[in-house]
C-alpha atoms as a PDB file:
ATOM      1  CA  MET A   1     101.970  70.560  80.605  1.00  0.00           C
ATOM      2  CA  VAL A   2      99.429  72.950  82.157  1.00  0.00           C
ATOM      3  CA  LEU A   3     101.995  74.196  84.641  1.00  0.00           C
ATOM      4  CA  THR A   4     104.491  74.806  81.855  1.00  0.00           C
ATOM      5  CA  THR A   5     101.964  76.809  79.819  1.00  0.00           C
ATOM      6  CA  HIS A   6     100.977  79.008  82.771  1.00  0.00           C
ATOM      7  CA  LEU A   7     104.614  79.533  83.694  1.00  0.00           C
ATOM      8  CA  ARG A   8     105.511  80.512  80.135  1.00  0.00           C
ATOM      9  CA  ARG A   9     102.620  82.998  79.987  1.00  0.00           C
ATOM     10  CA  ALA A  10     103.564  84.491  83.341  1.00  0.00           C
ATOM     11  CA  LEU A  11     107.135  84.962  82.144  1.00  0.00           C
ATOM     12  CA  VAL A  12     105.900  86.928  79.130  1.00  0.00           C
ATOM     13  CA  PHE A  13     104.489  89.611  81.429  1.00  0.00           C
ATOM     14  CA  ALA A  14     107.374  89.464  83.884  1.00  0.00           C
ATOM     15  CA  GLY A  15     109.816  89.833  81.018  1.00  0.00           C
ATOM     16  CA  LEU A  16     108.360  93.059  79.667  1.00  0.00           C
ATOM     17  CA  ALA A  17     110.247  95.212  82.148  1.00  0.00           C
ATOM     18  CA  VAL A  18     113.447  93.205  81.658  1.00  0.00           C
ATOM     19  CA  VAL A  19     113.336  93.609  77.887  1.00  0.00           C
ATOM     20  CA  ALA A  20     112.744  97.347  78.228  1.00  0.00           C
ATOM     21  CA  ALA A  21     115.592  97.726  80.722  1.00  0.00           C
ATOM     22  CA  CYS A  22     118.133  95.628  78.849  1.00  0.00           C
ATOM     23  CA  GLY A  23     117.327  96.971  75.407  1.00  0.00           C
ATOM     24  CA  ALA A  24     118.765 100.391  76.135  1.00  0.00           C
ATOM     25  CA  GLY A  25     122.308  99.044  76.344  1.00  0.00           C
ATOM     26  CA  ALA A  26     122.324  97.070  73.102  1.00  0.00           C
ATOM     27  CA  ALA A  27     123.456  98.315  69.695  1.00  0.00           C
ATOM     28  CA  ASP A  28     120.162  98.985  67.917  1.00  0.00           C
ATOM     29  CA  PRO A  29     118.263  96.205  69.799  1.00  0.00           C
ATOM     30  CA  GLU A  30     114.929  97.259  68.282  1.00  0.00           C
ATOM     31  CA  ALA A  31     116.061  96.562  64.750  1.00  0.00           C
ATOM     32  CA  ALA A  32     117.654  93.251  65.725  1.00  0.00           C
ATOM     33  CA  THR A  33     114.536  92.055  67.531  1.00  0.00           C
ATOM     34  CA  GLU A  34     112.209  93.140  64.752  1.00  0.00           C
ATOM     35  CA  ASP A  35     114.359  91.480  62.106  1.00  0.00           C
ATOM     36  CA  ALA A  36     114.079  88.211  63.996  1.00  0.00           C
ATOM     37  CA  ARG A  37     110.342  88.518  64.514  1.00  0.00           C
ATOM     38  CA  TYR A  38     109.186  89.665  61.077  1.00  0.00           C
ATOM     39  CA  THR A  39     109.975  88.739  57.507  1.00  0.00           C
ATOM     40  CA  TYR A  40     109.724  90.949  54.442  1.00  0.00           C
ATOM     41  CA  GLU A  41     108.733  90.202  50.864  1.00  0.00           C
ATOM     42  CA  ARG A  42     107.324  92.148  47.946  1.00  0.00           C
ATOM     43  CA  ALA A  43     103.971  93.610  49.043  1.00  0.00           C
ATOM     44  CA  THR A  44     100.833  92.093  47.608  1.00  0.00           C
ATOM     45  CA  ARG A  45      98.013  94.295  46.360  1.00  0.00           C
ATOM     46  CA  ASP A  46      96.487  95.064  49.787  1.00  0.00           C
ATOM     47  CA  GLY A  47      99.480  94.377  52.011  1.00  0.00           C
ATOM     48  CA  ILE A  48     102.645  96.115  53.158  1.00  0.00           C
ATOM     49  CA  GLY A  49     105.098  93.286  52.481  1.00  0.00           C
ATOM     50  CA  LYS A  50     105.703  92.647  56.178  1.00  0.00           C
ATOM     51  CA  TYR A  51     104.883  89.193  57.544  1.00  0.00           C
ATOM     52  CA  TYR A  52     104.225  88.071  61.113  1.00  0.00           C
ATOM     53  CA  MET A  53     103.772  84.392  61.894  1.00  0.00           C
ATOM     54  CA  GLY A  54     103.076  83.724  58.235  1.00  0.00           C
ATOM     55  CA  ARG A  55     100.498  86.526  57.857  1.00  0.00           C
ATOM     56  CA  GLU A  56     101.045  89.600  55.708  1.00  0.00           C
ATOM     57  CA  VAL A  57     100.043  92.804  57.471  1.00  0.00           C
ATOM     58  CA  SER A  58      97.370  94.663  55.536  1.00  0.00           C
ATOM     59  CA  GLN A  59      97.350  98.282  54.490  1.00  0.00           C
ATOM     60  CA  VAL A  60      95.723 100.743  56.904  1.00  0.00           C
ATOM     61  CA  MET A  61      92.343 102.379  56.395  1.00  0.00           C
ATOM     62  CA  GLY A  62      93.010 106.105  56.646  1.00  0.00           C
ATOM     63  CA  HIS A  63      90.886 108.823  58.218  1.00  0.00           C
ATOM     64  CA  LEU A  64      89.450 109.739  54.811  1.00  0.00           C
ATOM     65  CA  ALA A  65      87.482 106.477  54.989  1.00  0.00           C
ATOM     66  CA  ALA A  66      85.734 107.474  58.224  1.00  0.00           C
ATOM     67  CA  GLY A  67      82.447 107.725  56.332  1.00  0.00           C
ATOM     68  CA  TRP A  68      82.615 104.011  55.542  1.00  0.00           C
ATOM     69  CA  LEU A  69      82.812 103.259  59.270  1.00  0.00           C
ATOM     70  CA  GLU A  70      79.608 105.229  59.801  1.00  0.00           C
ATOM     71  CA  ARG A  71      77.730 103.870  56.744  1.00  0.00           C
ATOM     72  CA  ARG A  72      73.998 103.312  57.142  1.00  0.00           C
ATOM     73  CA  GLY A  73      74.039  99.622  56.319  1.00  0.00           C
ATOM     74  CA  ARG A  74      76.723  98.677  58.846  1.00  0.00           C
ATOM     75  CA  LEU A  75      74.319  97.771  61.643  1.00  0.00           C
ATOM     76  CA  ALA A  76      72.402  95.315  59.482  1.00  0.00           C
ATOM     77  CA  GLU A  77      75.487  93.936  57.712  1.00  0.00           C
ATOM     78  CA  GLU A  78      77.606  93.328  60.800  1.00  0.00           C
ATOM     79  CA  ARG A  79      75.078  93.393  63.675  1.00  0.00           C
ATOM     80  CA  THR A  80      77.219  95.863  65.516  1.00  0.00           C
ATOM     81  CA  ASP A  81      74.488  96.060  68.146  1.00  0.00           C
ATOM     82  CA  LEU A  82      75.304  92.466  69.120  1.00  0.00           C
ATOM     83  CA  VAL A  83      78.988  93.322  69.424  1.00  0.00           C
ATOM     84  CA  ILE A  84      78.161  96.090  71.897  1.00  0.00           C
ATOM     85  CA  GLN A  85      75.662  93.990  73.848  1.00  0.00           C
ATOM     86  CA  ASN A  86      78.028  91.040  74.230  1.00  0.00           C
ATOM     87  CA  LEU A  87      81.168  92.812  75.362  1.00  0.00           C
ATOM     88  CA  PRO A  88      81.976  91.565  78.897  1.00  0.00           C
ATOM     89  CA  LEU A  89      81.365  94.790  80.811  1.00  0.00           C
ATOM     90  CA  GLU A  90      80.362  96.001  84.246  1.00  0.00           C
ATOM     91  CA  ALA A  91      78.888  99.412  85.003  1.00  0.00           C
ATOM     92  CA  ASP A  92      82.269 100.628  86.295  1.00  0.00           C
ATOM     93  CA  SER A  93      84.530  98.984  83.715  1.00  0.00           C
ATOM     94  CA  VAL A  94      87.486 100.869  82.272  1.00  0.00           C
ATOM     95  CA  VAL A  95      87.542 100.061  78.566  1.00  0.00           C
ATOM     96  CA  ALA A  96      89.992 100.754  75.752  1.00  0.00           C
ATOM     97  CA  ASP A  97      88.595 101.015  72.225  1.00  0.00           C
ATOM     98  CA  ILE A  98      91.793 100.289  70.282  1.00  0.00           C
ATOM     99  CA  GLY A  99      91.722 101.677  66.764  1.00  0.00           C
ATOM    100  CA  ALA A 100      88.624 103.643  67.709  1.00  0.00           C
ATOM    101  CA  GLY A 101      88.420 105.455  64.393  1.00  0.00           C
ATOM    102  CA  SER A 102      85.423 107.769  64.287  1.00  0.00           C
ATOM    103  CA  GLY A 103      84.104 106.468  67.622  1.00  0.00           C
ATOM    104  CA  TYR A 104      81.399 104.260  66.112  1.00  0.00           C
ATOM    105  CA  PHE A 105      81.685 101.844  69.056  1.00  0.00           C
ATOM    106  CA  THR A 106      83.139 104.250  71.613  1.00  0.00           C
ATOM    107  CA  PHE A 107      79.947 106.073  72.503  1.00  0.00           C
ATOM    108  CA  PRO A 108      77.510 103.128  72.683  1.00  0.00           C
ATOM    109  CA  VAL A 109      80.030 101.311  74.887  1.00  0.00           C
ATOM    110  CA  ALA A 110      80.357 104.413  77.085  1.00  0.00           C
ATOM    111  CA  ALA A 111      76.615 104.205  77.670  1.00  0.00           C
ATOM    112  CA  ARG A 112      77.101 100.666  79.000  1.00  0.00           C
ATOM    113  CA  VAL A 113      79.677 101.798  81.588  1.00  0.00           C
ATOM    114  CA  PRO A 114      78.043 104.846  83.224  1.00  0.00           C
ATOM    115  CA  GLU A 115      80.303 104.532  86.288  1.00  0.00           C
ATOM    116  CA  GLY A 116      83.406 103.687  84.235  1.00  0.00           C
ATOM    117  CA  ARG A 117      85.034 105.186  81.194  1.00  0.00           C
ATOM    118  CA  VAL A 118      86.045 104.417  77.634  1.00  0.00           C
ATOM    119  CA  ILE A 119      89.446 105.366  76.264  1.00  0.00           C
ATOM    120  CA  ALA A 120      89.373 105.868  72.506  1.00  0.00           C
ATOM    121  CA  VAL A 121      92.850 105.021  71.194  1.00  0.00           C
ATOM    122  CA  ASP A 122      93.990 105.716  67.648  1.00  0.00           C
ATOM    123  CA  ILE A 123      97.247 106.529  65.891  1.00  0.00           C
ATOM    124  CA  GLN A 124      95.575 109.073  63.595  1.00  0.00           C
ATOM    125  CA  PRO A 125      94.975 112.503  65.201  1.00  0.00           C
ATOM    126  CA  GLU A 126      92.292 113.163  62.593  1.00  0.00           C
ATOM    127  CA  MET A 127      90.238 110.238  63.868  1.00  0.00           C
ATOM    128  CA  LEU A 128      90.581 111.390  67.472  1.00  0.00           C
ATOM    129  CA  ALA A 129      89.472 114.871  66.439  1.00  0.00           C
ATOM    130  CA  ILE A 130      86.252 113.326  65.139  1.00  0.00           C
ATOM    131  CA  VAL A 131      85.734 111.521  68.455  1.00  0.00           C
ATOM    132  CA  GLU A 132      86.381 114.703  70.429  1.00  0.00           C
ATOM    133  CA  ALA A 133      83.929 116.669  68.305  1.00  0.00           C
ATOM    134  CA  ARG A 134      81.267 114.018  68.850  1.00  0.00           C
ATOM    135  CA  ARG A 135      81.986 113.968  72.569  1.00  0.00           C
ATOM    136  CA  ALA A 136      81.435 117.719  72.805  1.00  0.00           C
ATOM    137  CA  GLN A 137      78.279 117.544  70.714  1.00  0.00           C
ATOM    138  CA  MET A 138      76.820 114.687  72.766  1.00  0.00           C
ATOM    139  CA  GLY A 139      77.985 115.975  76.128  1.00  0.00           C
ATOM    140  CA  THR A 140      79.505 112.606  77.024  1.00  0.00           C
ATOM    141  CA  SER A 141      81.615 112.796  80.154  1.00  0.00           C
ATOM    142  CA  ASN A 142      83.159 109.312  80.339  1.00  0.00           C
ATOM    143  CA  VAL A 143      85.078 109.199  77.058  1.00  0.00           C
ATOM    144  CA  ASP A 144      88.778 110.050  76.857  1.00  0.00           C
ATOM    145  CA  THR A 145      91.044 110.076  73.820  1.00  0.00           C
ATOM    146  CA  VAL A 146      94.644 108.859  73.647  1.00  0.00           C
ATOM    147  CA  LEU A 147      96.987 109.199  70.700  1.00  0.00           C
ATOM    148  CA  GLY A 148      98.899 105.966  70.344  1.00  0.00           C
ATOM    149  CA  THR A 149     101.773 104.944  68.108  1.00  0.00           C
ATOM    150  CA  ALA A 150     102.192 101.992  65.775  1.00  0.00           C
ATOM    151  CA  GLU A 151     103.910 100.129  68.624  1.00  0.00           C
ATOM    152  CA  ASN A 152     102.142 101.343  71.754  1.00  0.00           C
ATOM    153  CA  PRO A 153      98.596 102.442  72.676  1.00  0.00           C
ATOM    154  CA  ASN A 154     100.087 104.625  75.434  1.00  0.00           C
ATOM    155  CA  LEU A 155      97.934 103.118  78.172  1.00  0.00           C
ATOM    156  CA  GLU A 156      99.042 102.749  81.774  1.00  0.00           C
ATOM    157  CA  PRO A 157     100.046  99.228  82.872  1.00  0.00           C
ATOM    158  CA  ASP A 158      97.348  97.229  84.695  1.00  0.00           C
ATOM    159  CA  SER A 159      94.797  99.981  84.071  1.00  0.00           C
ATOM    160  CA  ILE A 160      91.945  98.565  81.976  1.00  0.00           C
ATOM    161  CA  ASP A 161      89.355  95.838  82.453  1.00  0.00           C
ATOM    162  CA  LEU A 162      88.685  95.325  78.756  1.00  0.00           C
ATOM    163  CA  ALA A 163      90.317  96.180  75.466  1.00  0.00           C
ATOM    164  CA  PHE A 164      88.450  95.578  72.240  1.00  0.00           C
ATOM    165  CA  ILE A 165      89.638  95.865  68.659  1.00  0.00           C
ATOM    166  CA  VAL A 166      87.124  95.857  65.815  1.00  0.00           C
ATOM    167  CA  ASP A 167      88.421  95.064  62.324  1.00  0.00           C
ATOM    168  CA  ALA A 168      91.765  96.756  62.996  1.00  0.00           C
ATOM    169  CA  TYR A 169      94.242  94.279  64.486  1.00  0.00           C
ATOM    170  CA  HIS A 170      95.145  92.894  61.047  1.00  0.00           C
ATOM    171  CA  GLU A 171      96.362  96.403  60.102  1.00  0.00           C
ATOM    172  CA  PHE A 172      98.830  96.762  62.981  1.00  0.00           C
ATOM    173  CA  SER A 173     102.283  97.262  61.465  1.00  0.00           C
ATOM    174  CA  HIS A 174     103.893  96.041  64.711  1.00  0.00           C
ATOM    175  CA  PRO A 175     101.435  93.411  65.967  1.00  0.00           C
ATOM    176  CA  TYR A 176     103.772  91.897  68.545  1.00  0.00           C
ATOM    177  CA  GLU A 177     104.857  95.181  70.077  1.00  0.00           C
ATOM    178  CA  MET A 178     101.356  96.641  70.053  1.00  0.00           C
ATOM    179  CA  GLY A 179      99.835  93.421  71.346  1.00  0.00           C
ATOM    180  CA  THR A 180     102.374  93.174  74.144  1.00  0.00           C
ATOM    181  CA  ALA A 181     101.637  96.750  75.246  1.00  0.00           C
ATOM    182  CA  ILE A 182      97.877  96.119  75.171  1.00  0.00           C
ATOM    183  CA  ALA A 183      98.296  92.923  77.194  1.00  0.00           C
ATOM    184  CA  ALA A 184     100.380  94.813  79.767  1.00  0.00           C
ATOM    185  CA  ALA A 185      97.665  97.501  80.023  1.00  0.00           C
ATOM    186  CA  LEU A 186      95.074  94.900  80.998  1.00  0.00           C
ATOM    187  CA  LYS A 187      94.516  94.323  84.673  1.00  0.00           C
ATOM    188  CA  PRO A 188      95.274  90.747  85.751  1.00  0.00           C
ATOM    189  CA  GLY A 189      92.188  88.831  84.679  1.00  0.00           C
ATOM    190  CA  GLY A 190      91.277  91.553  82.181  1.00  0.00           C
ATOM    191  CA  ARG A 191      90.028  90.623  78.720  1.00  0.00           C
ATOM    192  CA  LEU A 192      90.813  91.416  75.117  1.00  0.00           C
ATOM    193  CA  VAL A 193      88.036  91.007  72.532  1.00  0.00           C
ATOM    194  CA  LEU A 194      89.018  90.804  68.886  1.00  0.00           C
ATOM    195  CA  ILE A 195      86.439  91.251  66.145  1.00  0.00           C
ATOM    196  CA  GLU A 196      87.800  90.124  62.774  1.00  0.00           C
ATOM    197  CA  TYR A 197      86.125  89.113  59.526  1.00  0.00           C
ATOM    198  CA  ARG A 198      86.140  85.341  59.069  1.00  0.00           C
ATOM    199  CA  ALA A 199      88.905  84.282  56.684  1.00  0.00           C
ATOM    200  CA  GLU A 200      87.535  80.726  56.779  1.00  0.00           C
ATOM    201  CA  ASP A 201      84.387  81.914  55.001  1.00  0.00           C
ATOM    202  CA  ARG A 202      84.940  82.818  51.353  1.00  0.00           C
ATOM    203  CA  SER A 203      81.444  84.275  51.142  1.00  0.00           C
ATOM    204  CA  VAL A 204      82.409  87.170  53.448  1.00  0.00           C
ATOM    205  CA  PRO A 205      82.840  90.035  50.923  1.00  0.00           C
ATOM    206  CA  ILE A 206      86.054  91.470  52.367  1.00  0.00           C
ATOM    207  CA  LYS A 207      89.559  91.531  50.897  1.00  0.00           C
ATOM    208  CA  PRO A 208      91.583  88.514  52.113  1.00  0.00           C
ATOM    209  CA  LEU A 209      94.202  90.480  54.059  1.00  0.00           C
ATOM    210  CA  HIS A 210      91.418  92.197  55.998  1.00  0.00           C
ATOM    211  CA  LYS A 211      90.180  88.851  57.315  1.00  0.00           C
ATOM    212  CA  MET A 212      91.716  86.432  59.839  1.00  0.00           C
ATOM    213  CA  THR A 213      91.277  82.794  60.809  1.00  0.00           C
ATOM    214  CA  VAL A 214      90.679  81.711  64.382  1.00  0.00           C
ATOM    215  CA  GLU A 215      93.835  79.594  64.195  1.00  0.00           C
ATOM    216  CA  GLN A 216      95.965  82.602  63.220  1.00  0.00           C
ATOM    217  CA  VAL A 217      94.493  84.879  65.883  1.00  0.00           C
ATOM    218  CA  ARG A 218      94.961  82.280  68.611  1.00  0.00           C
ATOM    219  CA  LYS A 219      98.574  81.730  67.582  1.00  0.00           C
ATOM    220  CA  GLU A 220      99.339  85.441  67.761  1.00  0.00           C
ATOM    221  CA  MET A 221      97.550  85.965  71.077  1.00  0.00           C
ATOM    222  CA  ASP A 222      99.289  82.962  72.605  1.00  0.00           C
ATOM    223  CA  ALA A 223     102.609  84.646  71.785  1.00  0.00           C
ATOM    224  CA  LEU A 224     101.461  87.535  74.014  1.00  0.00           C
ATOM    225  CA  GLY A 225     100.695  85.259  76.947  1.00  0.00           C
ATOM    226  CA  LEU A 226      96.937  85.722  76.624  1.00  0.00           C
ATOM    227  CA  GLU A 227      94.656  82.770  77.312  1.00  0.00           C
ATOM    228  CA  PHE A 228      91.941  81.875  74.835  1.00  0.00           C
ATOM    229  CA  GLU A 229      88.549  82.052  76.526  1.00  0.00           C
ATOM    230  CA  ALA A 230      85.842  81.843  73.849  1.00  0.00           C
ATOM    231  CA  ASN A 231      84.938  82.053  70.181  1.00  0.00           C
ATOM    232  CA  ARG A 232      81.380  83.302  70.235  1.00  0.00           C
ATOM    233  CA  ASP A 233      79.585  82.560  66.983  1.00  0.00           C
ATOM    234  CA  PHE A 234      76.703  85.025  66.720  1.00  0.00           C
ATOM    235  CA  LEU A 235      77.864  87.560  64.129  1.00  0.00           C
ATOM    236  CA  PRO A 236      76.994  87.177  60.428  1.00  0.00           C
ATOM    237  CA  GLN A 237      80.489  87.904  59.073  1.00  0.00           C
ATOM    238  CA  GLN A 238      82.956  88.189  61.939  1.00  0.00           C
ATOM    239  CA  HIS A 239      84.605  86.262  64.726  1.00  0.00           C
ATOM    240  CA  PHE A 240      84.012  87.437  68.303  1.00  0.00           C
ATOM    241  CA  LEU A 241      87.129  86.144  70.040  1.00  0.00           C
ATOM    242  CA  VAL A 242      87.721  86.588  73.765  1.00  0.00           C
ATOM    243  CA  PHE A 243      91.148  86.340  75.390  1.00  0.00           C
ATOM    244  CA  ARG A 244      92.155  86.836  78.992  1.00  0.00           C
ATOM    245  CA  ARG A 245      95.266  88.004  80.761  1.00  0.00           C
ATOM    246  CA  PRO A 246      96.049  85.404  83.426  1.00  0.00           C
ATOM    247  CA  ALA A 247      95.169  86.491  86.932  1.00  0.00           C
ATOM    248  CA  ARG A 248      98.468  85.207  88.266  1.00  0.00           C
END
């Protein structure tokens, strides 16, 4: 059983190039694949009506809400300092902050990798403009920005040691495509850390579609060929879930 699981996960990564190569010759292969992977129903109040593995994708927080990301009470409410301290980093790590937003995490993480770099990835140019303005103001030399798409973070394959996503994965309109591209960008043995509000805890004061269960996250990451490594329980409201791209 273990051999079968590792083989299946290895084939996920090996198959990325095959899918890309074969897709070009099919009649609208993207639409056919997406139709098979997702289902669609009437959108609920905070969702978009698109379902993946039984989960409705939530609406996206736009750049006009950047102030909420930088709110004064966030440190105490979420213990964001513990998130930064516990990311598995080395001084020379190459890190991707996926859905970087205003760069709330980007710059503290950059301070933890003085010999490495942090790539702030977002699909909203307005958010990246905020990051770039902060970079210039702070004089930070190891932060880059990359404009991604809803399906691809536009990162080079096998190029990053760690990707982390804070309270954003549940908003991805194409979670499989985006997740597959992120997994491919990880170096073999590289890690993905997902921070998501705990859907299992009704006391967490966040809208339901903006929370996720451990079971749901693990199911979706398994589909990407990523191995579950840890669920670290030290945050007051969120999961700190660590996944790993197999070294093989």
